[in-house]
């Protein structure tokens, strides 16, 4: 018997895709497991984690995406960081939650 896979609701998918686009277009450096990655590589990594988690029914909301895919390494548990030009380093989860809040004000 096939296992049903639950895609996030369309509104959540829109928010998650917005956040992935925000990451890619940010031009910020992303830190994962002690290495820096450009924004395009970070977006690709987060998109793959997102796809993996969706197949396991672990993503229903944009908050789930941030918490389960974009906050810390699944392997090491180390938090992800973001460093944008002219700004201090920040935890990726906080950075994305702030952008999600801004999106929702529109």
PDB file of N, CA and C in Angstrom:
ATOM      1  N   UNK A   1       0.838  -1.170   0.000  1.00  0.00           N
ATOM      2  CA  UNK A   1       0.000   0.000   0.000  1.00  0.00           C
ATOM      3  C   UNK A   1       0.890   1.244   0.000  1.00  0.00           C
ATOM      4  N   UNK A   2       0.570   2.219  -0.843  1.00  0.00           N
ATOM      5  CA  UNK A   2       1.343   3.451  -0.951  1.00  0.00           C
ATOM      6  C   UNK A   2       1.060   4.357   0.243  1.00  0.00           C
ATOM      7  N   UNK A   3       2.099   5.047   0.667  1.00  0.00           N
ATOM      8  CA  UNK A   3       1.973   5.993   1.762  1.00  0.00           C
ATOM      9  C   UNK A   3       1.624   7.357   1.169  1.00  0.00           C
ATOM     10  N   UNK A   4       0.603   7.980   1.697  1.00  0.00           N
ATOM     11  CA  UNK A   4       0.193   9.296   1.215  1.00  0.00           C
ATOM     12  C   UNK A   4       1.199  10.346   1.666  1.00  0.00           C
ATOM     13  N   UNK A   5       1.522  11.225   0.742  1.00  0.00           N
ATOM     14  CA  UNK A   5       2.432  12.311   1.059  1.00  0.00           C
ATOM     15  C   UNK A   5       1.632  13.600   1.089  1.00  0.00           C
ATOM     16  N   UNK A   6       1.700  14.303   2.189  1.00  0.00           N
ATOM     17  CA  UNK A   6       0.930  15.536   2.337  1.00  0.00           C
ATOM     18  C   UNK A   6       1.806  16.732   2.009  1.00  0.00           C
ATOM     19  N   UNK A   7       1.497  17.387   0.906  1.00  0.00           N
ATOM     20  CA  UNK A   7       2.173  18.629   0.554  1.00  0.00           C
ATOM     21  C   UNK A   7       1.676  19.718   1.501  1.00  0.00           C
ATOM     22  N   UNK A   8       2.526  20.696   1.809  1.00  0.00           N
ATOM     23  CA  UNK A   8       2.025  21.837   2.582  1.00  0.00           C
ATOM     24  C   UNK A   8       0.892  22.518   1.810  1.00  0.00           C
ATOM     25  N   UNK A   9       0.022  23.179   2.517  1.00  0.00           N
ATOM     26  CA  UNK A   9      -1.064  23.921   1.881  1.00  0.00           C
ATOM     27  C   UNK A   9      -0.483  24.972   0.937  1.00  0.00           C
ATOM     28  N   UNK A  10      -1.242  25.357  -0.090  1.00  0.00           N
ATOM     29  CA  UNK A  10      -0.725  26.325  -1.069  1.00  0.00           C
ATOM     30  C   UNK A  10      -0.182  27.613  -0.444  1.00  0.00           C
ATOM     31  N   UNK A  11      -0.834  28.140   0.574  1.00  0.00           N
ATOM     32  CA  UNK A  11      -0.350  29.371   1.213  1.00  0.00           C
ATOM     33  C   UNK A  11       1.025  29.149   1.835  1.00  0.00           C
ATOM     34  N   UNK A  12       1.221  28.007   2.461  1.00  0.00           N
ATOM     35  CA  UNK A  12       2.520  27.688   3.057  1.00  0.00           C
ATOM     36  C   UNK A  12       3.571  27.498   1.970  1.00  0.00           C
ATOM     37  N   UNK A  13       3.198  26.843   0.890  1.00  0.00           N
ATOM     38  CA  UNK A  13       4.137  26.654  -0.219  1.00  0.00           C
ATOM     39  C   UNK A  13       4.584  28.005  -0.782  1.00  0.00           C
ATOM     40  N   UNK A  14       3.658  28.945  -0.909  1.00  0.00           N
ATOM     41  CA  UNK A  14       4.009  30.283  -1.398  1.00  0.00           C
ATOM     42  C   UNK A  14       4.994  30.971  -0.455  1.00  0.00           C
ATOM     43  N   UNK A  15       4.732  30.883   0.834  1.00  0.00           N
ATOM     44  CA  UNK A  15       5.640  31.502   1.808  1.00  0.00           C
ATOM     45  C   UNK A  15       7.014  30.846   1.775  1.00  0.00           C
ATOM     46  N   UNK A  16       7.057  29.534   1.702  1.00  0.00           N
ATOM     47  CA  UNK A  16       8.333  28.818   1.676  1.00  0.00           C
ATOM     48  C   UNK A  16       9.107  29.160   0.408  1.00  0.00           C
ATOM     49  N   UNK A  17       8.427  29.178  -0.724  1.00  0.00           N
ATOM     50  CA  UNK A  17       9.105  29.554  -1.965  1.00  0.00           C
ATOM     51  C   UNK A  17       9.594  30.992  -1.914  1.00  0.00           C
ATOM     52  N   UNK A  18       8.825  31.874  -1.291  1.00  0.00           N
ATOM     53  CA  UNK A  18       9.273  33.249  -1.106  1.00  0.00           C
ATOM     54  C   UNK A  18      10.561  33.271  -0.280  1.00  0.00           C
ATOM     55  N   UNK A  19      10.583  32.523   0.829  1.00  0.00           N
ATOM     56  CA  UNK A  19      11.774  32.496   1.683  1.00  0.00           C
ATOM     57  C   UNK A  19      12.986  31.924   0.948  1.00  0.00           C
ATOM     58  N   UNK A  20      12.773  30.883   0.162  1.00  0.00           N
ATOM     59  CA  UNK A  20      13.877  30.324  -0.620  1.00  0.00           C
ATOM     60  C   UNK A  20      14.401  31.350  -1.624  1.00  0.00           C
ATOM     61  N   UNK A  21      13.508  32.088  -2.254  1.00  0.00           N
ATOM     62  CA  UNK A  21      13.921  33.150  -3.159  1.00  0.00           C
ATOM     63  C   UNK A  21      14.640  34.272  -2.431  1.00  0.00           C
ATOM     64  N   UNK A  22      14.185  34.579  -1.230  1.00  0.00           N
ATOM     65  CA  UNK A  22      14.823  35.599  -0.403  1.00  0.00           C
ATOM     66  C   UNK A  22      16.255  35.193  -0.075  1.00  0.00           C
ATOM     67  N   UNK A  23      16.443  33.937   0.293  1.00  0.00           N
ATOM     68  CA  UNK A  23      17.784  33.434   0.579  1.00  0.00           C
ATOM     69  C   UNK A  23      18.661  33.598  -0.662  1.00  0.00           C
ATOM     70  N   UNK A  24      18.181  33.100  -1.794  1.00  0.00           N
ATOM     71  CA  UNK A  24      18.984  33.119  -3.018  1.00  0.00           C
ATOM     72  C   UNK A  24      19.338  34.538  -3.449  1.00  0.00           C
ATOM     73  N   UNK A  25      18.397  35.440  -3.350  1.00  0.00           N
ATOM     74  CA  UNK A  25      18.627  36.801  -3.803  1.00  0.00           C
ATOM     75  C   UNK A  25      19.308  37.715  -2.802  1.00  0.00           C
ATOM     76  N   UNK A  26      19.563  37.208  -1.603  1.00  0.00           N
ATOM     77  CA  UNK A  26      20.095  38.051  -0.533  1.00  0.00           C
ATOM     78  C   UNK A  26      21.540  38.485  -0.763  1.00  0.00           C
ATOM     79  N   UNK A  27      22.333  37.653  -1.421  1.00  0.00           N
ATOM     80  CA  UNK A  27      23.750  37.940  -1.570  1.00  0.00           C
ATOM     81  C   UNK A  27      24.529  37.769  -0.287  1.00  0.00           C
ATOM     82  N   UNK A  28      23.910  37.215   0.730  1.00  0.00           N
ATOM     83  CA  UNK A  28      24.552  37.017   2.025  1.00  0.00           C
ATOM     84  C   UNK A  28      25.374  35.726   2.038  1.00  0.00           C
ATOM     85  N   UNK A  29      26.307  35.651   2.954  1.00  0.00           N
ATOM     86  CA  UNK A  29      27.067  34.420   3.178  1.00  0.00           C
ATOM     87  C   UNK A  29      26.315  33.585   4.211  1.00  0.00           C
ATOM     88  N   UNK A  30      26.272  32.282   3.972  1.00  0.00           N
ATOM     89  CA  UNK A  30      25.595  31.359   4.873  1.00  0.00           C
ATOM     90  C   UNK A  30      26.621  30.403   5.442  1.00  0.00           C
ATOM     91  N   UNK A  31      26.534  30.196   6.737  1.00  0.00           N
ATOM     92  CA  UNK A  31      27.494  29.339   7.429  1.00  0.00           C
ATOM     93  C   UNK A  31      26.804  28.059   7.881  1.00  0.00           C
ATOM     94  N   UNK A  32      27.410  26.964   7.446  1.00  0.00           N
ATOM     95  CA  UNK A  32      26.870  25.645   7.764  1.00  0.00           C
ATOM     96  C   UNK A  32      28.028  24.728   8.090  1.00  0.00           C
ATOM     97  N   UNK A  33      28.015  24.168   9.286  1.00  0.00           N
ATOM     98  CA  UNK A  33      29.042  23.221   9.725  1.00  0.00           C
ATOM     99  C   UNK A  33      30.457  23.768   9.534  1.00  0.00           C
ATOM    100  N   UNK A  34      30.632  25.049   9.879  1.00  0.00           N
ATOM    101  CA  UNK A  34      31.953  25.662   9.846  1.00  0.00           C
ATOM    102  C   UNK A  34      32.416  26.168   8.495  1.00  0.00           C
ATOM    103  N   UNK A  35      31.612  26.041   7.456  1.00  0.00           N
ATOM    104  CA  UNK A  35      31.987  26.514   6.123  1.00  0.00           C
ATOM    105  C   UNK A  35      31.000  27.572   5.650  1.00  0.00           C
ATOM    106  N   UNK A  36      31.522  28.499   4.824  1.00  0.00           N
ATOM    107  CA  UNK A  36      30.682  29.550   4.257  1.00  0.00           C
ATOM    108  C   UNK A  36      30.220  29.141   2.868  1.00  0.00           C
ATOM    109  N   UNK A  37      28.988  29.490   2.544  1.00  0.00           N
ATOM    110  CA  UNK A  37      28.394  29.203   1.237  1.00  0.00           C
ATOM    111  C   UNK A  37      27.740  30.470   0.726  1.00  0.00           C
ATOM    112  N   UNK A  38      27.731  30.637  -0.598  1.00  0.00           N
ATOM    113  CA  UNK A  38      27.043  31.796  -1.148  1.00  0.00           C
ATOM    114  C   UNK A  38      25.531  31.558  -1.103  1.00  0.00           C
ATOM    115  N   UNK A  39      24.785  32.596  -1.397  1.00  0.00           N
ATOM    116  CA  UNK A  39      23.330  32.525  -1.244  1.00  0.00           C
ATOM    117  C   UNK A  39      22.684  31.521  -2.205  1.00  0.00           C
ATOM    118  N   UNK A  40      23.249  31.349  -3.378  1.00  0.00           N
ATOM    119  CA  UNK A  40      22.688  30.371  -4.325  1.00  0.00           C
ATOM    120  C   UNK A  40      22.887  28.945  -3.821  1.00  0.00           C
ATOM    121  N   UNK A  41      24.063  28.650  -3.302  1.00  0.00           N
ATOM    122  CA  UNK A  41      24.325  27.318  -2.753  1.00  0.00           C
ATOM    123  C   UNK A  41      23.475  27.074  -1.511  1.00  0.00           C
ATOM    124  N   UNK A  42      23.287  28.106  -0.693  1.00  0.00           N
ATOM    125  CA  UNK A  42      22.461  27.967   0.505  1.00  0.00           C
ATOM    126  C   UNK A  42      21.014  27.663   0.119  1.00  0.00           C
ATOM    127  N   UNK A  43      20.496  28.378  -0.867  1.00  0.00           N
ATOM    128  CA  UNK A  43      19.128  28.138  -1.318  1.00  0.00           C
ATOM    129  C   UNK A  43      18.979  26.718  -1.833  1.00  0.00           C
ATOM    130  N   UNK A  44      19.932  26.252  -2.623  1.00  0.00           N
ATOM    131  CA  UNK A  44      19.860  24.891  -3.173  1.00  0.00           C
ATOM    132  C   UNK A  44      19.869  23.855  -2.054  1.00  0.00           C
ATOM    133  N   UNK A  45      20.699  24.068  -1.053  1.00  0.00           N
ATOM    134  CA  UNK A  45      20.760  23.138   0.085  1.00  0.00           C
ATOM    135  C   UNK A  45      19.430  23.125   0.845  1.00  0.00           C
ATOM    136  N   UNK A  46      18.899  24.308   1.129  1.00  0.00           N
ATOM    137  CA  UNK A  46      17.641  24.386   1.873  1.00  0.00           C
ATOM    138  C   UNK A  46      16.480  23.800   1.076  1.00  0.00           C
ATOM    139  N   UNK A  47      16.492  23.994  -0.230  1.00  0.00           N
ATOM    140  CA  UNK A  47      15.438  23.425  -1.075  1.00  0.00           C
ATOM    141  C   UNK A  47      15.488  21.897  -1.023  1.00  0.00           C
ATOM    142  N   UNK A  48      16.678  21.322  -1.056  1.00  0.00           N
ATOM    143  CA  UNK A  48      16.800  19.863  -0.980  1.00  0.00           C
ATOM    144  C   UNK A  48      16.326  19.341   0.374  1.00  0.00           C
ATOM    145  N   UNK A  49      16.690  20.036   1.451  1.00  0.00           N
ATOM    146  CA  UNK A  49      16.203  19.630   2.777  1.00  0.00           C
ATOM    147  C   UNK A  49      14.683  19.719   2.839  1.00  0.00           C
ATOM    148  N   UNK A  50      14.136  20.783   2.281  1.00  0.00           N
ATOM    149  CA  UNK A  50      12.688  20.965   2.247  1.00  0.00           C
ATOM    150  C   UNK A  50      12.025  19.799   1.522  1.00  0.00           C
ATOM    151  N   UNK A  51      12.507  19.468   0.332  1.00  0.00           N
ATOM    152  CA  UNK A  51      11.931  18.354  -0.436  1.00  0.00           C
ATOM    153  C   UNK A  51      11.993  17.052   0.362  1.00  0.00           C
ATOM    154  N   UNK A  52      13.114  16.801   0.991  1.00  0.00           N
ATOM    155  CA  UNK A  52      13.285  15.593   1.791  1.00  0.00           C
ATOM    156  C   UNK A  52      12.254  15.551   2.927  1.00  0.00           C
ATOM    157  N   UNK A  53      12.095  16.661   3.631  1.00  0.00           N
ATOM    158  CA  UNK A  53      11.172  16.703   4.763  1.00  0.00           C
ATOM    159  C   UNK A  53       9.712  16.604   4.314  1.00  0.00           C
ATOM    160  N   UNK A  54       9.391  17.162   3.151  1.00  0.00           N
ATOM    161  CA  UNK A  54       8.028  17.051   2.628  1.00  0.00           C
ATOM    162  C   UNK A  54       7.689  15.591   2.368  1.00  0.00           C
ATOM    163  N   UNK A  55       8.629  14.828   1.825  1.00  0.00           N
ATOM    164  CA  UNK A  55       8.359  13.411   1.550  1.00  0.00           C
ATOM    165  C   UNK A  55       8.123  12.627   2.835  1.00  0.00           C
ATOM    166  N   UNK A  56       8.509  13.180   3.953  1.00  0.00           N
ATOM    167  CA  UNK A  56       8.306  12.534   5.252  1.00  0.00           C
ATOM    168  C   UNK A  56       7.208  13.212   6.072  1.00  0.00           C
ATOM    169  N   UNK A  57       6.399  14.029   5.386  1.00  0.00           N
ATOM    170  CA  UNK A  57       5.261  14.710   6.021  1.00  0.00           C
ATOM    171  C   UNK A  57       5.659  15.540   7.242  1.00  0.00           C
ATOM    172  N   UNK A  58       6.813  16.204   7.169  1.00  0.00           N
ATOM    173  CA  UNK A  58       7.278  16.990   8.308  1.00  0.00           C
ATOM    174  C   UNK A  58       7.143  18.497   8.122  1.00  0.00           C
ATOM    175  N   UNK A  59       6.654  18.914   6.953  1.00  0.00           N
ATOM    176  CA  UNK A  59       6.506  20.349   6.689  1.00  0.00           C
ATOM    177  C   UNK A  59       5.053  20.649   6.350  1.00  0.00           C
ATOM    178  N   UNK A  60       4.407  21.436   7.198  1.00  0.00           N
ATOM    179  CA  UNK A  60       3.037  21.876   6.932  1.00  0.00           C
ATOM    180  C   UNK A  60       2.951  23.390   6.807  1.00  0.00           C
ATOM    181  N   UNK A  61       3.905  24.098   7.430  1.00  0.00           N
ATOM    182  CA  UNK A  61       3.870  25.560   7.474  1.00  0.00           C
ATOM    183  C   UNK A  61       5.246  26.134   7.164  1.00  0.00           C
ATOM    184  N   UNK A  62       5.280  27.433   6.929  1.00  0.00           N
ATOM    185  CA  UNK A  62       6.567  28.104   6.739  1.00  0.00           C
ATOM    186  C   UNK A  62       7.402  28.024   8.015  1.00  0.00           C
ATOM    187  N   UNK A  63       6.746  28.060   9.154  1.00  0.00           N
ATOM    188  CA  UNK A  63       7.468  27.915  10.422  1.00  0.00           C
ATOM    189  C   UNK A  63       8.131  26.541  10.516  1.00  0.00           C
ATOM    190  N   UNK A  64       7.434  25.498  10.062  1.00  0.00           N
ATOM    191  CA  UNK A  64       8.039  24.162  10.031  1.00  0.00           C
ATOM    192  C   UNK A  64       9.291  24.161   9.156  1.00  0.00           C
ATOM    193  N   UNK A  65       9.193  24.798   7.988  1.00  0.00           N
ATOM    194  CA  UNK A  65      10.340  24.880   7.088  1.00  0.00           C
ATOM    195  C   UNK A  65      11.520  25.545   7.790  1.00  0.00           C
ATOM    196  N   UNK A  66      11.265  26.684   8.424  1.00  0.00           N
ATOM    197  CA  UNK A  66      12.351  27.401   9.102  1.00  0.00           C
ATOM    198  C   UNK A  66      12.951  26.529  10.198  1.00  0.00           C
ATOM    199  N   UNK A  67      12.094  25.984  11.050  1.00  0.00           N
ATOM    200  CA  UNK A  67      12.577  25.212  12.203  1.00  0.00           C
ATOM    201  C   UNK A  67      13.277  23.920  11.799  1.00  0.00           C
ATOM    202  N   UNK A  68      12.718  23.198  10.851  1.00  0.00           N
ATOM    203  CA  UNK A  68      13.232  21.857  10.549  1.00  0.00           C
ATOM    204  C   UNK A  68      14.266  21.822   9.427  1.00  0.00           C
ATOM    205  N   UNK A  69      14.240  22.818   8.532  1.00  0.00           N
ATOM    206  CA  UNK A  69      15.158  22.789   7.393  1.00  0.00           C
ATOM    207  C   UNK A  69      16.188  23.904   7.420  1.00  0.00           C
ATOM    208  N   UNK A  70      15.860  25.045   7.990  1.00  0.00           N
ATOM    209  CA  UNK A  70      16.696  26.229   7.791  1.00  0.00           C
ATOM    210  C   UNK A  70      17.344  26.790   9.046  1.00  0.00           C
ATOM    211  N   UNK A  71      17.303  26.058  10.142  1.00  0.00           N
ATOM    212  CA  UNK A  71      17.842  26.573  11.396  1.00  0.00           C
ATOM    213  C   UNK A  71      19.168  25.931  11.797  1.00  0.00           C
ATOM    214  N   UNK A  72      19.301  24.633  11.542  1.00  0.00           N
ATOM    215  CA  UNK A  72      20.505  23.923  11.991  1.00  0.00           C
ATOM    216  C   UNK A  72      20.765  22.708  11.117  1.00  0.00           C
ATOM    217  N   UNK A  73      21.988  22.242  11.174  1.00  0.00           N
ATOM    218  CA  UNK A  73      22.380  21.044  10.435  1.00  0.00           C
ATOM    219  C   UNK A  73      21.676  19.816  10.996  1.00  0.00           C
ATOM    220  N   UNK A  74      21.139  19.013  10.112  1.00  0.00           N
ATOM    221  CA  UNK A  74      20.496  17.763  10.531  1.00  0.00           C
ATOM    222  C   UNK A  74      21.522  16.754  11.009  1.00  0.00           C
ATOM    223  N   UNK A  75      22.752  16.892  10.544  1.00  0.00           N
ATOM    224  CA  UNK A  75      23.797  15.933  10.891  1.00  0.00           C
ATOM    225  C   UNK A  75      24.536  16.309  12.169  1.00  0.00           C
ATOM    226  N   UNK A  76      24.986  17.571  12.255  1.00  0.00           N
ATOM    227  CA  UNK A  76      25.802  17.978  13.400  1.00  0.00           C
ATOM    228  C   UNK A  76      25.002  18.670  14.493  1.00  0.00           C
ATOM    229  N   UNK A  77      23.826  19.190  14.138  1.00  0.00           N
ATOM    230  CA  UNK A  77      23.037  19.962  15.096  1.00  0.00           C
ATOM    231  C   UNK A  77      23.508  21.402  15.234  1.00  0.00           C
ATOM    232  N   UNK A  78      24.616  21.759  14.557  1.00  0.00           N
ATOM    233  CA  UNK A  78      25.122  23.125  14.638  1.00  0.00           C
ATOM    234  C   UNK A  78      24.158  24.094  13.961  1.00  0.00           C
ATOM    235  N   UNK A  79      23.933  25.254  14.583  1.00  0.00           N
ATOM    236  CA  UNK A  79      23.035  26.235  13.978  1.00  0.00           C
ATOM    237  C   UNK A  79      23.641  26.820  12.712  1.00  0.00           C
ATOM    238  N   UNK A  80      22.774  27.194  11.785  1.00  0.00           N
ATOM    239  CA  UNK A  80      23.180  27.905  10.584  1.00  0.00           C
ATOM    240  C   UNK A  80      23.261  29.393  10.918  1.00  0.00           C
ATOM    241  N   UNK A  81      24.187  30.081  10.262  1.00  0.00           N
ATOM    242  CA  UNK A  81      24.321  31.520  10.438  1.00  0.00           C
ATOM    243  C   UNK A  81      24.269  32.235   9.106  1.00  0.00           C
ATOM    244  N   UNK A  82      23.974  33.527   9.168  1.00  0.00           N
ATOM    245  CA  UNK A  82      23.895  34.370   7.981  1.00  0.00           C
ATOM    246  C   UNK A  82      24.695  35.633   8.261  1.00  0.00           C
ATOM    247  N   UNK A  83      25.493  36.055   7.270  1.00  0.00           N
ATOM    248  CA  UNK A  83      26.248  37.306   7.376  1.00  0.00           C
ATOM    249  C   UNK A  83      26.028  38.087   6.097  1.00  0.00           C
ATOM    250  N   UNK A  84      25.308  39.199   6.233  1.00  0.00           N
ATOM    251  CA  UNK A  84      25.043  40.076   5.105  1.00  0.00           C
ATOM    252  C   UNK A  84      25.971  41.285   5.188  1.00  0.00           C
ATOM    253  N   UNK A  85      26.312  41.845   4.061  1.00  0.00           N
ATOM    254  CA  UNK A  85      27.199  42.998   4.002  1.00  0.00           C
ATOM    255  C   UNK A  85      26.673  44.122   4.883  1.00  0.00           C
ATOM    256  N   UNK A  86      27.549  44.635   5.729  1.00  0.00           N
ATOM    257  CA  UNK A  86      27.194  45.768   6.569  1.00  0.00           C
ATOM    258  C   UNK A  86      26.322  45.440   7.764  1.00  0.00           C
ATOM    259  N   UNK A  87      26.091  44.162   8.015  1.00  0.00           N
ATOM    260  CA  UNK A  87      25.239  43.753   9.136  1.00  0.00           C
ATOM    261  C   UNK A  87      25.972  42.700   9.961  1.00  0.00           C
ATOM    262  N   UNK A  88      25.653  42.617  11.246  1.00  0.00           N
ATOM    263  CA  UNK A  88      26.273  41.566  12.056  1.00  0.00           C
ATOM    264  C   UNK A  88      25.741  40.186  11.668  1.00  0.00           C
ATOM    265  N   UNK A  89      26.489  39.156  12.024  1.00  0.00           N
ATOM    266  CA  UNK A  89      26.013  37.785  11.811  1.00  0.00           C
ATOM    267  C   UNK A  89      24.753  37.556  12.628  1.00  0.00           C
ATOM    268  N   UNK A  90      23.894  36.702  12.102  1.00  0.00           N
ATOM    269  CA  UNK A  90      22.629  36.403  12.766  1.00  0.00           C
ATOM    270  C   UNK A  90      22.299  34.931  12.534  1.00  0.00           C
ATOM    271  N   UNK A  91      21.584  34.345  13.458  1.00  0.00           N
ATOM    272  CA  UNK A  91      21.123  32.968  13.282  1.00  0.00           C
ATOM    273  C   UNK A  91      20.141  32.927  12.116  1.00  0.00           C
ATOM    274  N   UNK A  92      20.279  31.931  11.256  1.00  0.00           N
ATOM    275  CA  UNK A  92      19.425  31.863  10.066  1.00  0.00           C
ATOM    276  C   UNK A  92      17.948  31.759  10.418  1.00  0.00           C
ATOM    277  N   UNK A  93      17.625  31.030  11.468  1.00  0.00           N
ATOM    278  CA  UNK A  93      16.228  30.894  11.864  1.00  0.00           C
ATOM    279  C   UNK A  93      15.611  32.233  12.214  1.00  0.00           C
ATOM    280  N   UNK A  94      16.325  33.036  12.974  1.00  0.00           N
ATOM    281  CA  UNK A  94      15.836  34.368  13.339  1.00  0.00           C
ATOM    282  C   UNK A  94      15.715  35.248  12.103  1.00  0.00           C
ATOM    283  N   UNK A  95      16.715  35.213  11.246  1.00  0.00           N
ATOM    284  CA  UNK A  95      16.730  36.003  10.015  1.00  0.00           C
ATOM    285  C   UNK A  95      15.510  35.674   9.153  1.00  0.00           C
ATOM    286  N   UNK A  96      15.207  34.399   8.989  1.00  0.00           N
ATOM    287  CA  UNK A  96      14.065  33.988   8.161  1.00  0.00           C
ATOM    288  C   UNK A  96      12.729  34.268   8.846  1.00  0.00           C
ATOM    289  N   UNK A  97      12.652  34.097  10.164  1.00  0.00           N
ATOM    290  CA  UNK A  97      11.411  34.420  10.864  1.00  0.00           C
ATOM    291  C   UNK A  97      11.082  35.911  10.741  1.00  0.00           C
ATOM    292  N   UNK A  98      12.118  36.758  10.811  1.00  0.00           N
ATOM    293  CA  UNK A  98      11.899  38.201  10.658  1.00  0.00           C
ATOM    294  C   UNK A  98      11.365  38.511   9.250  1.00  0.00           C
ATOM    295  N   UNK A  99      11.943  37.866   8.231  1.00  0.00           N
ATOM    296  CA  UNK A  99      11.473  38.116   6.865  1.00  0.00           C
ATOM    297  C   UNK A  99      10.063  37.577   6.649  1.00  0.00           C
ATOM    298  N   UNK A 100       9.759  36.431   7.240  1.00  0.00           N
ATOM    299  CA  UNK A 100       8.408  35.894   7.144  1.00  0.00           C
ATOM    300  C   UNK A 100       7.399  36.849   7.798  1.00  0.00           C
ATOM    301  N   UNK A 101       7.756  37.421   8.937  1.00  0.00           N
ATOM    302  CA  UNK A 101       6.869  38.383   9.599  1.00  0.00           C
ATOM    303  C   UNK A 101       6.646  39.598   8.705  1.00  0.00           C
ATOM    304  N   UNK A 102       7.718  40.085   8.056  1.00  0.00           N
ATOM    305  CA  UNK A 102       7.578  41.224   7.129  1.00  0.00           C
ATOM    306  C   UNK A 102       6.651  40.867   5.975  1.00  0.00           C
ATOM    307  N   UNK A 103       6.843  39.673   5.417  1.00  0.00           N
ATOM    308  CA  UNK A 103       5.987  39.239   4.314  1.00  0.00           C
ATOM    309  C   UNK A 103       4.523  39.239   4.718  1.00  0.00           C
ATOM    310  N   UNK A 104       4.253  38.788   5.894  1.00  0.00           N
ATOM    311  CA  UNK A 104       2.866  38.654   6.354  1.00  0.00           C
ATOM    312  C   UNK A 104       2.207  39.991   6.682  1.00  0.00           C
ATOM    313  N   UNK A 105       2.977  41.054   6.757  1.00  0.00           N
ATOM    314  CA  UNK A 105       2.396  42.368   7.018  1.00  0.00           C
ATOM    315  C   UNK A 105       1.846  43.009   5.761  1.00  0.00           C
ATOM    316  N   UNK A 106       2.187  42.444   4.590  1.00  0.00           N
ATOM    317  CA  UNK A 106       1.723  42.997   3.312  1.00  0.00           C
ATOM    318  C   UNK A 106       0.377  42.486   2.928  1.00  0.00           C
TER     319      UNK A 106
END
